[in-house]
Amino acid sequence: DVTVDGNTLGSLNVLASNGIIHTIGGVLLPP
């Protein structure tokens, strides 16, 4: 698995015309 701030990525490499989306299993909250 790949985690971002402890949350696991789901669907990877969803290409958009102005970037890339990776879905994630949790909401990331800044400090």
PDB file of all heavy atoms in Angstrom:
ATOM      1  N   ASP A   1       0.828  -1.198   0.000  1.00  0.00           N
ATOM      2  CA  ASP A   1       0.000   0.000   0.000  1.00  0.00           C
ATOM      3  C   ASP A   1       0.863   1.249   0.000  1.00  0.00           C
ATOM      4  O   ASP A   1       2.020   1.243   0.439  1.00  0.00           O
ATOM      5  CB  ASP A   1      -0.915   0.039   1.225  1.00  0.00           C
ATOM      6  CG  ASP A   1      -2.004  -1.030   1.175  1.00  0.00           C
ATOM      7  OD1 ASP A   1      -2.433  -1.366   0.063  1.00  0.00           O
ATOM      8  OD2 ASP A   1      -2.384  -1.528   2.257  1.00  0.00           O
ATOM      9  N   VAL A   2       0.268   2.341  -0.488  1.00  0.00           N
ATOM     10  CA  VAL A   2       0.871   3.664  -0.391  1.00  0.00           C
ATOM     11  C   VAL A   2      -0.057   4.492   0.480  1.00  0.00           C
ATOM     12  O   VAL A   2      -1.269   4.541   0.240  1.00  0.00           O
ATOM     13  CB  VAL A   2       1.036   4.324  -1.771  1.00  0.00           C
ATOM     14  CG1 VAL A   2       1.677   5.708  -1.632  1.00  0.00           C
ATOM     15  CG2 VAL A   2       1.851   3.440  -2.699  1.00  0.00           C
ATOM     16  N   THR A   3       0.505   5.133   1.494  1.00  0.00           N
ATOM     17  CA  THR A   3      -0.319   5.943   2.382  1.00  0.00           C
ATOM     18  C   THR A   3       0.149   7.393   2.345  1.00  0.00           C
ATOM     19  O   THR A   3       1.328   7.685   2.163  1.00  0.00           O
ATOM     20  CB  THR A   3      -0.275   5.436   3.832  1.00  0.00           C
ATOM     21  OG1 THR A   3       1.075   5.495   4.308  1.00  0.00           O
ATOM     22  CG2 THR A   3      -0.791   4.008   3.930  1.00  0.00           C
ATOM     23  N   VAL A   4      -0.824   8.278   2.500  1.00  0.00           N
ATOM     24  CA  VAL A   4      -0.562   9.712   2.602  1.00  0.00           C
ATOM     25  C   VAL A   4      -1.108  10.161   3.949  1.00  0.00           C
ATOM     26  O   VAL A   4      -2.310  10.032   4.207  1.00  0.00           O
ATOM     27  CB  VAL A   4      -1.243  10.478   1.447  1.00  0.00           C
ATOM     28  CG1 VAL A   4      -0.992  11.978   1.587  1.00  0.00           C
ATOM     29  CG2 VAL A   4      -0.729   9.975   0.099  1.00  0.00           C
ATOM     30  N   ASP A   5      -0.223  10.631   4.800  1.00  0.00           N
ATOM     31  CA  ASP A   5      -0.600  10.957   6.181  1.00  0.00           C
ATOM     32  C   ASP A   5      -1.362   9.799   6.832  1.00  0.00           C
ATOM     33  O   ASP A   5      -2.345   9.993   7.557  1.00  0.00           O
ATOM     34  CB  ASP A   5      -1.449  12.236   6.227  1.00  0.00           C
ATOM     35  CG  ASP A   5      -0.604  13.501   6.132  1.00  0.00           C
ATOM     36  OD1 ASP A   5       0.621  13.384   5.938  1.00  0.00           O
ATOM     37  OD2 ASP A   5      -1.176  14.600   6.242  1.00  0.00           O
ATOM     38  N   GLY A   6      -0.929   8.590   6.534  1.00  0.00           N
ATOM     39  CA  GLY A   6      -1.519   7.399   7.136  1.00  0.00           C
ATOM     40  C   GLY A   6      -2.776   6.895   6.468  1.00  0.00           C
ATOM     41  O   GLY A   6      -3.336   5.877   6.892  1.00  0.00           O
ATOM     42  N   ASN A   7      -3.236   7.556   5.408  1.00  0.00           N
ATOM     43  CA  ASN A   7      -4.454   7.147   4.701  1.00  0.00           C
ATOM     44  C   ASN A   7      -4.087   6.473   3.384  1.00  0.00           C
ATOM     45  O   ASN A   7      -3.270   6.987   2.613  1.00  0.00           O
ATOM     46  CB  ASN A   7      -5.340   8.364   4.437  1.00  0.00           C
ATOM     47  CG  ASN A   7      -5.851   9.006   5.705  1.00  0.00           C
ATOM     48  OD1 ASN A   7      -6.811   8.568   6.302  1.00  0.00           O
ATOM     49  ND2 ASN A   7      -5.152  10.061   6.154  1.00  0.00           N
ATOM     50  N   THR A   8      -4.711   5.333   3.120  1.00  0.00           N
ATOM     51  CA  THR A   8      -4.348   4.514   1.965  1.00  0.00           C
ATOM     52  C   THR A   8      -4.929   5.074   0.675  1.00  0.00           C
ATOM     53  O   THR A   8      -6.106   5.438   0.600  1.00  0.00           O
ATOM     54  CB  THR A   8      -4.846   3.076   2.162  1.00  0.00           C
ATOM     55  OG1 THR A   8      -4.301   2.558   3.376  1.00  0.00           O
ATOM     56  CG2 THR A   8      -4.431   2.184   1.002  1.00  0.00           C
ATOM     57  N   LEU A   9      -4.073   5.111  -0.359  1.00  0.00           N
ATOM     58  CA  LEU A   9      -4.538   5.503  -1.684  1.00  0.00           C
ATOM     59  C   LEU A   9      -5.361   4.371  -2.286  1.00  0.00           C
ATOM     60  O   LEU A   9      -5.083   3.197  -2.070  1.00  0.00           O
ATOM     61  CB  LEU A   9      -3.360   5.830  -2.595  1.00  0.00           C
ATOM     62  CG  LEU A   9      -2.511   7.054  -2.233  1.00  0.00           C
ATOM     63  CD1 LEU A   9      -1.445   7.275  -3.295  1.00  0.00           C
ATOM     64  CD2 LEU A   9      -3.376   8.291  -2.095  1.00  0.00           C
ATOM     65  N   GLY A  10      -6.362   4.754  -3.086  1.00  0.00           N
ATOM     66  CA  GLY A  10      -7.219   3.765  -3.733  1.00  0.00           C
ATOM     67  C   GLY A  10      -6.976   3.733  -5.226  1.00  0.00           C
ATOM     68  O   GLY A  10      -5.982   3.189  -5.703  1.00  0.00           O
ATOM     69  N   SER A  11      -7.872   4.350  -5.997  1.00  0.00           N
ATOM     70  CA  SER A  11      -7.694   4.410  -7.453  1.00  0.00           C
ATOM     71  C   SER A  11      -6.550   5.364  -7.777  1.00  0.00           C
ATOM     72  O   SER A  11      -6.532   6.511  -7.319  1.00  0.00           O
ATOM     73  CB  SER A  11      -8.984   4.897  -8.121  1.00  0.00           C
ATOM     74  OG  SER A  11     -10.049   4.007  -7.863  1.00  0.00           O
ATOM     75  N   LEU A  12      -5.613   4.890  -8.578  1.00  0.00           N
ATOM     76  CA  LEU A  12      -4.417   5.667  -8.883  1.00  0.00           C
ATOM     77  C   LEU A  12      -4.424   6.152 -10.323  1.00  0.00           C
ATOM     78  O   LEU A  12      -5.061   5.560 -11.201  1.00  0.00           O
ATOM     79  CB  LEU A  12      -3.163   4.810  -8.654  1.00  0.00           C
ATOM     80  CG  LEU A  12      -3.012   4.190  -7.267  1.00  0.00           C
ATOM     81  CD1 LEU A  12      -1.802   3.259  -7.249  1.00  0.00           C
ATOM     82  CD2 LEU A  12      -2.860   5.267  -6.210  1.00  0.00           C
ATOM     83  N   ASN A  13      -3.706   7.236 -10.548  1.00  0.00           N
ATOM     84  CA  ASN A  13      -3.428   7.693 -11.914  1.00  0.00           C
ATOM     85  C   ASN A  13      -4.681   7.972 -12.731  1.00  0.00           C
ATOM     86  O   ASN A  13      -4.776   7.602 -13.896  1.00  0.00           O
ATOM     87  CB  ASN A  13      -2.558   6.668 -12.650  1.00  0.00           C
ATOM     88  CG  ASN A  13      -1.163   6.581 -12.097  1.00  0.00           C
ATOM     89  OD1 ASN A  13      -0.683   7.500 -11.444  1.00  0.00           O
ATOM     90  ND2 ASN A  13      -0.501   5.466 -12.337  1.00  0.00           N
ATOM     91  N   VAL A  14      -5.662   8.633 -12.135  1.00  0.00           N
ATOM     92  CA  VAL A  14      -6.836   9.068 -12.893  1.00  0.00           C
ATOM     93  C   VAL A  14      -6.449  10.383 -13.563  1.00  0.00           C
ATOM     94  O   VAL A  14      -6.305  11.412 -12.898  1.00  0.00           O
ATOM     95  CB  VAL A  14      -8.063   9.253 -11.981  1.00  0.00           C
ATOM     96  CG1 VAL A  14      -9.271   9.696 -12.803  1.00  0.00           C
ATOM     97  CG2 VAL A  14      -8.365   7.958 -11.230  1.00  0.00           C
ATOM     98  N   LEU A  15      -6.259  10.334 -14.885  1.00  0.00           N
ATOM     99  CA  LEU A  15      -5.700  11.468 -15.605  1.00  0.00           C
ATOM    100  C   LEU A  15      -6.773  12.502 -15.922  1.00  0.00           C
ATOM    101  O   LEU A  15      -7.860  12.171 -16.385  1.00  0.00           O
ATOM    102  CB  LEU A  15      -5.049  10.992 -16.898  1.00  0.00           C
ATOM    103  CG  LEU A  15      -4.191  12.008 -17.659  1.00  0.00           C
ATOM    104  CD1 LEU A  15      -2.996  12.435 -16.810  1.00  0.00           C
ATOM    105  CD2 LEU A  15      -3.722  11.411 -18.977  1.00  0.00           C
ATOM    106  N   ALA A  16      -6.459  13.763 -15.667  1.00  0.00           N
ATOM    107  CA  ALA A  16      -7.312  14.891 -16.044  1.00  0.00           C
ATOM    108  C   ALA A  16      -6.517  15.798 -16.973  1.00  0.00           C
ATOM    109  O   ALA A  16      -5.294  15.658 -17.105  1.00  0.00           O
ATOM    110  CB  ALA A  16      -7.769  15.651 -14.803  1.00  0.00           C
ATOM    111  N   SER A  17      -7.206  16.734 -17.601  1.00  0.00           N
ATOM    112  CA  SER A  17      -6.506  17.609 -18.538  1.00  0.00           C
ATOM    113  C   SER A  17      -5.585  18.583 -17.824  1.00  0.00           C
ATOM    114  O   SER A  17      -4.654  19.124 -18.429  1.00  0.00           O
ATOM    115  CB  SER A  17      -7.520  18.379 -19.395  1.00  0.00           C
ATOM    116  OG  SER A  17      -8.359  19.178 -18.576  1.00  0.00           O
ATOM    117  N   ASN A  18      -5.827  18.818 -16.548  1.00  0.00           N
ATOM    118  CA  ASN A  18      -4.989  19.744 -15.786  1.00  0.00           C
ATOM    119  C   ASN A  18      -4.375  19.088 -14.546  1.00  0.00           C
ATOM    120  O   ASN A  18      -4.098  19.753 -13.555  1.00  0.00           O
ATOM    121  CB  ASN A  18      -5.779  21.001 -15.397  1.00  0.00           C
ATOM    122  CG  ASN A  18      -7.050  20.684 -14.624  1.00  0.00           C
ATOM    123  OD1 ASN A  18      -7.492  19.533 -14.577  1.00  0.00           O
ATOM    124  ND2 ASN A  18      -7.652  21.703 -14.018  1.00  0.00           N
ATOM    125  N   GLY A  19      -4.159  17.773 -14.632  1.00  0.00           N
ATOM    126  CA  GLY A  19      -3.500  17.106 -13.521  1.00  0.00           C
ATOM    127  C   GLY A  19      -3.850  15.640 -13.389  1.00  0.00           C
ATOM    128  O   GLY A  19      -4.324  15.007 -14.334  1.00  0.00           O
ATOM    129  N   ILE A  20      -3.617  15.111 -12.206  1.00  0.00           N
ATOM    130  CA  ILE A  20      -3.846  13.699 -11.904  1.00  0.00           C
ATOM    131  C   ILE A  20      -4.578  13.596 -10.576  1.00  0.00           C
ATOM    132  O   ILE A  20      -4.300  14.349  -9.634  1.00  0.00           O
ATOM    133  CB  ILE A  20      -2.508  12.935 -11.807  1.00  0.00           C
ATOM    134  CG1 ILE A  20      -1.779  12.941 -13.144  1.00  0.00           C
ATOM    135  CG2 ILE A  20      -2.718  11.492 -11.350  1.00  0.00           C
ATOM    136  CD1 ILE A  20      -0.429  12.273 -13.101  1.00  0.00           C
ATOM    137  N   ILE A  21      -5.505  12.650 -10.519  1.00  0.00           N
ATOM    138  CA  ILE A  21      -6.240  12.371  -9.282  1.00  0.00           C
ATOM    139  C   ILE A  21      -5.866  10.985  -8.775  1.00  0.00           C
ATOM    140  O   ILE A  21      -5.813  10.021  -9.542  1.00  0.00           O
ATOM    141  CB  ILE A  21      -7.759  12.437  -9.510  1.00  0.00           C
ATOM    142  CG1 ILE A  21      -8.190  13.857  -9.893  1.00  0.00           C
ATOM    143  CG2 ILE A  21      -8.527  11.966  -8.268  1.00  0.00           C
ATOM    144  CD1 ILE A  21      -9.660  13.960 -10.275  1.00  0.00           C
ATOM    145  N   HIS A  22      -5.593  10.888  -7.475  1.00  0.00           N
ATOM    146  CA  HIS A  22      -5.478   9.608  -6.785  1.00  0.00           C
ATOM    147  C   HIS A  22      -6.524   9.642  -5.669  1.00  0.00           C
ATOM    148  O   HIS A  22      -6.507  10.558  -4.841  1.00  0.00           O
ATOM    149  CB  HIS A  22      -4.096   9.411  -6.159  1.00  0.00           C
ATOM    150  CG  HIS A  22      -2.946   9.642  -7.095  1.00  0.00           C
ATOM    151  ND1 HIS A  22      -2.699   8.840  -8.188  1.00  0.00           N
ATOM    152  CD2 HIS A  22      -1.972  10.598  -7.102  1.00  0.00           C
ATOM    153  CE1 HIS A  22      -1.622   9.275  -8.819  1.00  0.00           C
ATOM    154  NE2 HIS A  22      -1.164  10.351  -8.180  1.00  0.00           N
ATOM    155  N   THR A  23      -7.444   8.693  -5.657  1.00  0.00           N
ATOM    156  CA  THR A  23      -8.426   8.696  -4.565  1.00  0.00           C
ATOM    157  C   THR A  23      -7.770   8.213  -3.282  1.00  0.00           C
ATOM    158  O   THR A  23      -6.780   7.472  -3.292  1.00  0.00           O
ATOM    159  CB  THR A  23      -9.648   7.822  -4.886  1.00  0.00           C
ATOM    160  OG1 THR A  23      -9.245   6.465  -5.010  1.00  0.00           O
ATOM    161  CG2 THR A  23     -10.337   8.294  -6.160  1.00  0.00           C
ATOM    162  N   ILE A  24      -8.330   8.643  -2.158  1.00  0.00           N
ATOM    163  CA  ILE A  24      -7.746   8.338  -0.860  1.00  0.00           C
ATOM    164  C   ILE A  24      -8.848   7.987   0.128  1.00  0.00           C
ATOM    165  O   ILE A  24      -9.975   8.518   0.035  1.00  0.00           O
ATOM    166  CB  ILE A  24      -6.891   9.534  -0.360  1.00  0.00           C
ATOM    167  CG1 ILE A  24      -6.041   9.134   0.837  1.00  0.00           C
ATOM    168  CG2 ILE A  24      -7.742  10.763  -0.092  1.00  0.00           C
ATOM    169  CD1 ILE A  24      -4.930  10.127   1.123  1.00  0.00           C
ATOM    170  N   GLY A  25      -8.541   7.071   1.042  1.00  0.00           N
ATOM    171  CA  GLY A  25      -9.561   6.523   1.930  1.00  0.00           C
ATOM    172  C   GLY A  25      -9.856   7.332   3.171  1.00  0.00           C
ATOM    173  O   GLY A  25     -10.648   6.903   4.015  1.00  0.00           O
ATOM    174  N   GLY A  26      -9.236   8.493   3.315  1.00  0.00           N
ATOM    175  CA  GLY A  26      -9.512   9.341   4.470  1.00  0.00           C
ATOM    176  C   GLY A  26      -9.385  10.807   4.102  1.00  0.00           C
ATOM    177  O   GLY A  26      -8.733  11.148   3.111  1.00  0.00           O
ATOM    178  N   VAL A  27     -10.026  11.672   4.858  1.00  0.00           N
ATOM    179  CA  VAL A  27      -9.888  13.111   4.650  1.00  0.00           C
ATOM    180  C   VAL A  27      -8.626  13.570   5.361  1.00  0.00           C
ATOM    181  O   VAL A  27      -8.422  13.281   6.553  1.00  0.00           O
ATOM    182  CB  VAL A  27     -11.119  13.876   5.169  1.00  0.00           C
ATOM    183  CG1 VAL A  27     -10.921  15.383   5.021  1.00  0.00           C
ATOM    184  CG2 VAL A  27     -12.377  13.421   4.431  1.00  0.00           C
ATOM    185  N   LEU A  28      -7.766  14.270   4.642  1.00  0.00           N
ATOM    186  CA  LEU A  28      -6.516  14.767   5.198  1.00  0.00           C
ATOM    187  C   LEU A  28      -6.792  16.109   5.881  1.00  0.00           C
ATOM    188  O   LEU A  28      -7.414  17.000   5.314  1.00  0.00           O
ATOM    189  CB  LEU A  28      -5.471  14.953   4.099  1.00  0.00           C
ATOM    190  CG  LEU A  28      -5.233  13.738   3.185  1.00  0.00           C
ATOM    191  CD1 LEU A  28      -4.205  14.087   2.106  1.00  0.00           C
ATOM    192  CD2 LEU A  28      -4.772  12.542   4.001  1.00  0.00           C
ATOM    193  N   LEU A  29      -6.331  16.212   7.104  1.00  0.00           N
ATOM    194  CA  LEU A  29      -6.598  17.429   7.870  1.00  0.00           C
ATOM    195  C   LEU A  29      -5.275  18.102   8.262  1.00  0.00           C
ATOM    196  O   LEU A  29      -4.439  17.500   8.915  1.00  0.00           O
ATOM    197  CB  LEU A  29      -7.390  17.093   9.144  1.00  0.00           C
ATOM    198  CG  LEU A  29      -8.786  16.517   8.909  1.00  0.00           C
ATOM    199  CD1 LEU A  29      -9.382  16.010  10.215  1.00  0.00           C
ATOM    200  CD2 LEU A  29      -9.696  17.564   8.278  1.00  0.00           C
ATOM    201  N   PRO A  30      -5.088  19.342   7.821  1.00  0.00           N
ATOM    202  CA  PRO A  30      -3.882  20.060   8.202  1.00  0.00           C
ATOM    203  C   PRO A  30      -3.868  20.340   9.693  1.00  0.00           C
ATOM    204  O   PRO A  30      -4.923  20.346  10.334  1.00  0.00           O
ATOM    205  CB  PRO A  30      -3.949  21.346   7.372  1.00  0.00           C
ATOM    206  CG  PRO A  30      -5.394  21.538   7.088  1.00  0.00           C
ATOM    207  CD  PRO A  30      -5.974  20.166   6.970  1.00  0.00           C
ATOM    208  N   PRO A  31      -2.712  20.583  10.290  1.00  0.00           N
ATOM    209  CA  PRO A  31      -2.636  20.834  11.728  1.00  0.00           C
ATOM    210  C   PRO A  31      -3.549  21.990  12.140  1.00  0.00           C
ATOM    211  O   PRO A  31      -3.584  23.052  11.510  1.00  0.00           O
ATOM    212  CB  PRO A  31      -1.165  21.202  11.938  1.00  0.00           C
ATOM    213  CG  PRO A  31      -0.440  20.548  10.800  1.00  0.00           C
ATOM    214  CD  PRO A  31      -1.379  20.606   9.636  1.00  0.00           C
TER     215      PRO A  31
END
